Amino acid sequence: MPPQPIPAGVLADADTTSLATLDVSRPERFQAETHWPYFARLRRDDPVHFCPDSPYGPYWSITRYDDIVSIEANHRQFSSDGNVIIGDVRPEFETTRAFVTSDPPVHTRERRAVAPAVSSGRVARLEDQTRAQIAALLDRLPRQEPFNWVERVSNELTTEMIASLFDFPREKPVPSPRAGRNGTRSSVTTGRRCSRCGASGHGSRRAATSSPPWPVTRTPLR
């Protein structure tokens, strides 16, 4: 649900824009958190929607849950091989392809190799440590001045979490968060059985995690 009321003008635009030109990928709507009614429109009027023109090229939007589950369970017709995001993958990422951008049997084999690191029991044991790391990171952020959320929070937190999950020695340089994001940005852990490989503790739905690319000003809570 939207965290705040959506302006009437946005609601009207979402309801009247031609489906032939409706593009839910526009980043400024996510920045302003006004993307919600556009997705609601697609779920209501065109749940399998084709956008012929966008900054990322043509793409399909599947917006109803049951349709998403059906597609995710059918990797022979709807492959994840090579890419699970709306834009094209840069060539350098092809040399370190992650299991979320692979189909069985590669997906199955590689997913099983990392499963112990993200099991529900292990994540529960890391909860206190994780909360402490996040609190310390947030406490270090500037107050009452703009800062780059991606550099100060997204990158640093991703690096810390990957290091913790995979017991990466703290005295060694940790791999770039870009590498980690290439492997984790599309995976949503749901605790359900994966429709692609049959293993549990690993969601089969994809969600492109995003961080705001604009400056953020932190205001202390009162």
Protein backbone atom coordinates (compact mmCIF):
# COMPACT_ATOMS: atom_id res chain seq x y z
CA MET A 1 0.00 0.00 0.00
CA PRO A 2 1.16 3.58 -0.60
CA PRO A 3 2.88 5.06 2.48
CA GLN A 4 1.15 8.40 1.92
CA PRO A 5 -1.90 9.71 0.04
CA ILE A 6 -1.48 9.80 -3.73
CA PRO A 7 -2.24 13.21 -5.33
CA ALA A 8 -5.54 13.38 -7.19
CA GLY A 9 -3.79 14.36 -10.39
CA VAL A 10 -1.65 11.23 -10.29
CA LEU A 11 -4.69 9.03 -9.66
CA ALA A 12 -6.45 10.61 -12.62
CA ASP A 13 -3.41 10.17 -14.86
CA ALA A 14 -3.05 6.52 -13.88
CA ASP A 15 -6.71 5.91 -14.64
CA THR A 16 -6.82 7.70 -17.99
CA THR A 17 -3.41 7.10 -19.59
CA SER A 18 -3.74 4.92 -22.66
CA LEU A 19 -2.67 1.35 -22.00
CA ALA A 20 -0.83 1.46 -25.30
CA THR A 21 1.63 4.01 -23.86
CA LEU A 22 1.54 3.21 -20.14
CA ASP A 23 5.11 2.71 -18.90
CA VAL A 24 5.46 1.59 -15.28
CA SER A 25 9.26 1.67 -15.44
CA ARG A 26 9.55 5.45 -15.13
CA PRO A 27 11.96 6.02 -12.21
CA GLU A 28 10.57 9.40 -11.13
CA ARG A 29 7.34 7.70 -10.04
CA PHE A 30 9.24 5.35 -7.74
CA GLN A 31 11.21 8.32 -6.40
CA ALA A 32 7.98 10.15 -5.59
CA GLU A 33 6.24 6.92 -4.51
CA THR A 34 3.43 7.54 -6.98
CA HIS A 35 3.89 4.30 -8.92
CA TRP A 36 1.19 2.43 -6.99
CA PRO A 37 -1.93 3.44 -8.98
CA TYR A 38 -0.24 2.62 -12.30
CA PHE A 39 0.38 -0.95 -11.18
CA ALA A 40 -3.17 -1.11 -9.81
CA ARG A 41 -4.44 -0.03 -13.22
CA LEU A 42 -2.51 -2.82 -14.92
CA ARG A 43 -3.75 -5.45 -12.45
CA ARG A 44 -7.30 -4.30 -13.10
CA ASP A 45 -7.31 -3.67 -16.85
CA ASP A 46 -4.29 -5.35 -18.46
CA PRO A 47 -2.50 -7.83 -16.15
CA VAL A 48 -0.32 -9.11 -19.01
CA HIS A 49 0.80 -5.79 -20.43
CA PHE A 50 3.22 -4.98 -23.23
CA CYS A 51 5.05 -1.66 -23.24
CA PRO A 52 6.47 -1.09 -26.73
CA ASP A 53 8.71 1.85 -25.86
CA SER A 54 10.62 2.77 -22.71
CA PRO A 55 14.15 3.89 -21.73
CA TYR A 56 14.91 0.18 -21.33
CA GLY A 57 13.34 -0.91 -24.60
CA PRO A 58 10.11 -2.91 -24.99
CA TYR A 59 9.06 -5.11 -22.07
CA TRP A 60 6.19 -7.11 -20.59
CA SER A 61 4.61 -6.45 -17.18
CA ILE A 62 2.97 -9.34 -15.31
CA THR A 63 1.13 -7.85 -12.33
CA ARG A 64 -1.14 -10.54 -10.87
CA TYR A 65 0.26 -12.93 -8.30
CA ASP A 66 -1.07 -16.18 -9.77
CA ASP A 67 0.31 -15.31 -13.19
CA ILE A 68 3.72 -14.52 -11.70
CA VAL A 69 3.80 -17.85 -9.86
CA SER A 70 2.84 -19.74 -13.02
CA ILE A 71 5.55 -18.05 -15.05
CA GLU A 72 8.21 -18.58 -12.40
CA ALA A 73 7.41 -22.30 -12.29
CA ASN A 74 7.91 -22.65 -16.05
CA HIS A 75 11.57 -21.97 -16.78
CA ARG A 76 11.43 -23.77 -20.14
CA GLN A 77 9.13 -21.12 -21.59
CA PHE A 78 10.11 -18.19 -19.36
CA SER A 79 13.85 -18.40 -18.86
CA SER A 80 15.95 -16.50 -16.31
CA ASP A 81 19.11 -17.34 -18.22
CA GLY A 82 21.31 -14.27 -18.55
CA ASN A 83 19.02 -11.61 -17.12
CA VAL A 84 16.18 -11.09 -14.63
CA ILE A 85 16.06 -7.28 -14.64
CA ILE A 86 14.34 -4.85 -16.95
CA GLY A 87 17.53 -3.41 -18.48
CA ASP A 88 20.31 -5.11 -20.36
CA VAL A 89 23.09 -6.68 -18.29
CA ARG A 90 26.48 -5.08 -18.81
CA PRO A 91 29.02 -7.37 -20.52
CA GLU A 92 31.32 -7.55 -17.49
CA PHE A 93 28.59 -9.23 -15.45
CA GLU A 94 28.45 -12.10 -17.93
CA THR A 95 31.80 -13.38 -16.62
CA THR A 96 30.43 -13.79 -13.07
CA ARG A 97 26.88 -14.93 -13.74
CA ALA A 98 24.88 -15.70 -10.59
CA PHE A 99 22.52 -18.62 -10.08
CA VAL A 100 19.49 -16.31 -10.11
CA THR A 101 20.32 -15.58 -13.76
CA SER A 102 20.55 -19.27 -14.62
CA ASP A 103 18.05 -22.03 -15.23
CA PRO A 104 18.23 -25.62 -13.97
CA PRO A 105 20.47 -27.57 -13.75
CA VAL A 106 22.97 -24.70 -13.16
CA HIS A 107 20.54 -22.87 -10.90
CA THR A 108 19.88 -26.00 -8.85
CA ARG A 109 23.54 -26.89 -8.36
CA GLU A 110 24.71 -23.40 -7.43
CA ARG A 111 21.72 -22.60 -5.26
CA ARG A 112 22.36 -25.72 -3.16
CA ALA A 113 25.97 -24.63 -2.66
CA VAL A 114 24.96 -21.33 -1.01
CA ALA A 115 21.80 -22.53 0.74
CA PRO A 116 23.45 -23.28 4.13
CA ALA A 117 24.65 -19.68 4.42
CA VAL A 118 21.11 -18.31 4.19
CA SER A 119 19.14 -21.01 5.98
CA SER A 120 16.42 -19.75 8.31
CA GLY A 121 18.29 -21.07 11.36
CA ARG A 122 21.53 -19.33 10.47
CA VAL A 123 19.80 -16.06 9.63
CA ALA A 124 18.06 -16.21 13.01
CA ARG A 125 21.41 -16.68 14.76
CA LEU A 126 22.76 -13.61 12.97
CA GLU A 127 19.79 -11.42 13.87
CA ASP A 128 21.33 -9.59 16.83
CA GLN A 129 24.58 -9.00 14.96
CA THR A 130 22.72 -7.78 11.89
CA ARG A 131 20.58 -5.36 13.87
CA ALA A 132 23.70 -3.98 15.58
CA GLN A 133 25.46 -3.50 12.23
CA ILE A 134 22.49 -1.66 10.75
CA ALA A 135 22.08 0.54 13.82
CA ALA A 136 25.78 1.45 13.80
CA LEU A 137 25.67 2.30 10.10
CA LEU A 138 22.60 4.52 10.50
CA ASP A 139 24.15 6.27 13.49
CA ARG A 140 27.13 7.26 11.33
CA LEU A 141 25.02 9.04 8.72
CA PRO A 142 25.14 12.86 8.47
CA ARG A 143 22.32 14.82 10.04
CA GLN A 144 20.44 17.69 8.45
CA GLU A 145 22.46 17.58 5.24
CA PRO A 146 22.12 15.75 1.90
CA PHE A 147 24.13 12.58 1.35
CA ASN A 148 24.31 9.81 -1.22
CA TRP A 149 22.18 6.94 0.07
CA VAL A 150 23.69 4.42 -2.35
CA GLU A 151 27.28 5.14 -1.33
CA ARG A 152 26.69 5.59 2.40
CA VAL A 153 24.02 2.91 3.01
CA SER A 154 23.24 0.57 0.12
CA ASN A 155 26.81 -0.29 -0.85
CA GLU A 156 28.18 -0.45 2.66
CA LEU A 157 25.29 -2.46 4.08
CA THR A 158 25.36 -4.92 1.17
CA THR A 159 29.08 -5.48 1.71
CA GLU A 160 28.64 -6.04 5.45
CA MET A 161 25.73 -8.44 5.03
CA ILE A 162 27.50 -10.56 2.40
CA ALA A 163 30.62 -10.70 4.56
CA SER A 164 28.56 -11.85 7.55
CA LEU A 165 26.53 -14.45 5.65
CA PHE A 166 29.56 -16.08 4.06
CA ASP A 167 32.02 -15.66 6.97
CA PHE A 168 34.32 -13.48 4.93
CA PRO A 169 37.42 -12.63 7.01
CA ARG A 170 37.23 -9.03 8.17
CA GLU A 171 40.94 -8.49 7.66
CA LYS A 172 40.61 -9.21 3.92
CA PRO A 173 39.16 -6.83 1.33
CA VAL A 174 35.50 -7.57 0.79
CA PRO A 175 34.34 -7.94 -2.85
CA SER A 176 32.65 -4.94 -4.39
CA PRO A 177 28.96 -4.61 -3.52
CA ARG A 178 28.32 -4.39 -7.25
CA ALA A 179 29.34 -8.02 -7.55
CA GLY A 180 27.09 -8.97 -4.67
CA ARG A 181 24.22 -6.96 -6.06
CA ASN A 182 24.54 -8.76 -9.39
CA GLY A 183 23.95 -12.01 -7.58
CA THR A 184 21.35 -10.95 -5.06
CA ARG A 185 19.38 -8.04 -6.45
CA SER A 186 16.77 -10.28 -8.05
CA SER A 187 16.28 -12.89 -5.37
CA VAL A 188 13.54 -12.56 -2.78
CA THR A 189 13.86 -14.99 0.11
CA THR A 190 10.39 -16.14 1.04
CA GLY A 191 10.97 -19.33 3.00
CA ARG A 192 8.90 -21.18 0.42
CA ARG A 193 10.00 -23.98 -1.87
CA CYS A 194 11.67 -22.70 -5.00
CA SER A 195 9.64 -23.38 -8.13
CA ARG A 196 12.82 -23.73 -10.18
CA CYS A 197 14.98 -26.06 -8.14
CA GLY A 198 12.62 -27.46 -5.49
CA ALA A 199 14.74 -26.33 -2.54
CA SER A 200 13.27 -24.44 0.40
CA GLY A 201 14.36 -21.19 2.02
CA HIS A 202 14.75 -19.48 -1.30
CA GLY A 203 12.01 -17.55 -3.06
CA SER A 204 11.28 -18.05 -6.71
CA ARG A 205 9.79 -14.61 -7.19
CA ARG A 206 12.02 -11.87 -8.52
CA ALA A 207 12.13 -8.32 -7.30
CA ALA A 208 14.65 -5.76 -8.42
CA THR A 209 15.82 -4.15 -5.22
CA SER A 210 16.39 -0.47 -5.63
CA SER A 211 18.01 2.34 -3.70
CA PRO A 212 17.17 5.97 -4.23
CA PRO A 213 19.69 7.51 -6.67
CA TRP A 214 18.92 11.00 -5.42
CA PRO A 215 20.38 12.85 -2.39
CA VAL A 216 18.73 12.05 0.93
CA THR A 217 18.53 14.36 3.92
CA ARG A 218 18.37 12.69 7.29
CA THR A 219 16.22 14.35 9.93
CA PRO A 220 16.56 13.06 13.53
CA LEU A 221 13.46 11.50 15.02
CA ARG A 222 11.87 13.52 17.78
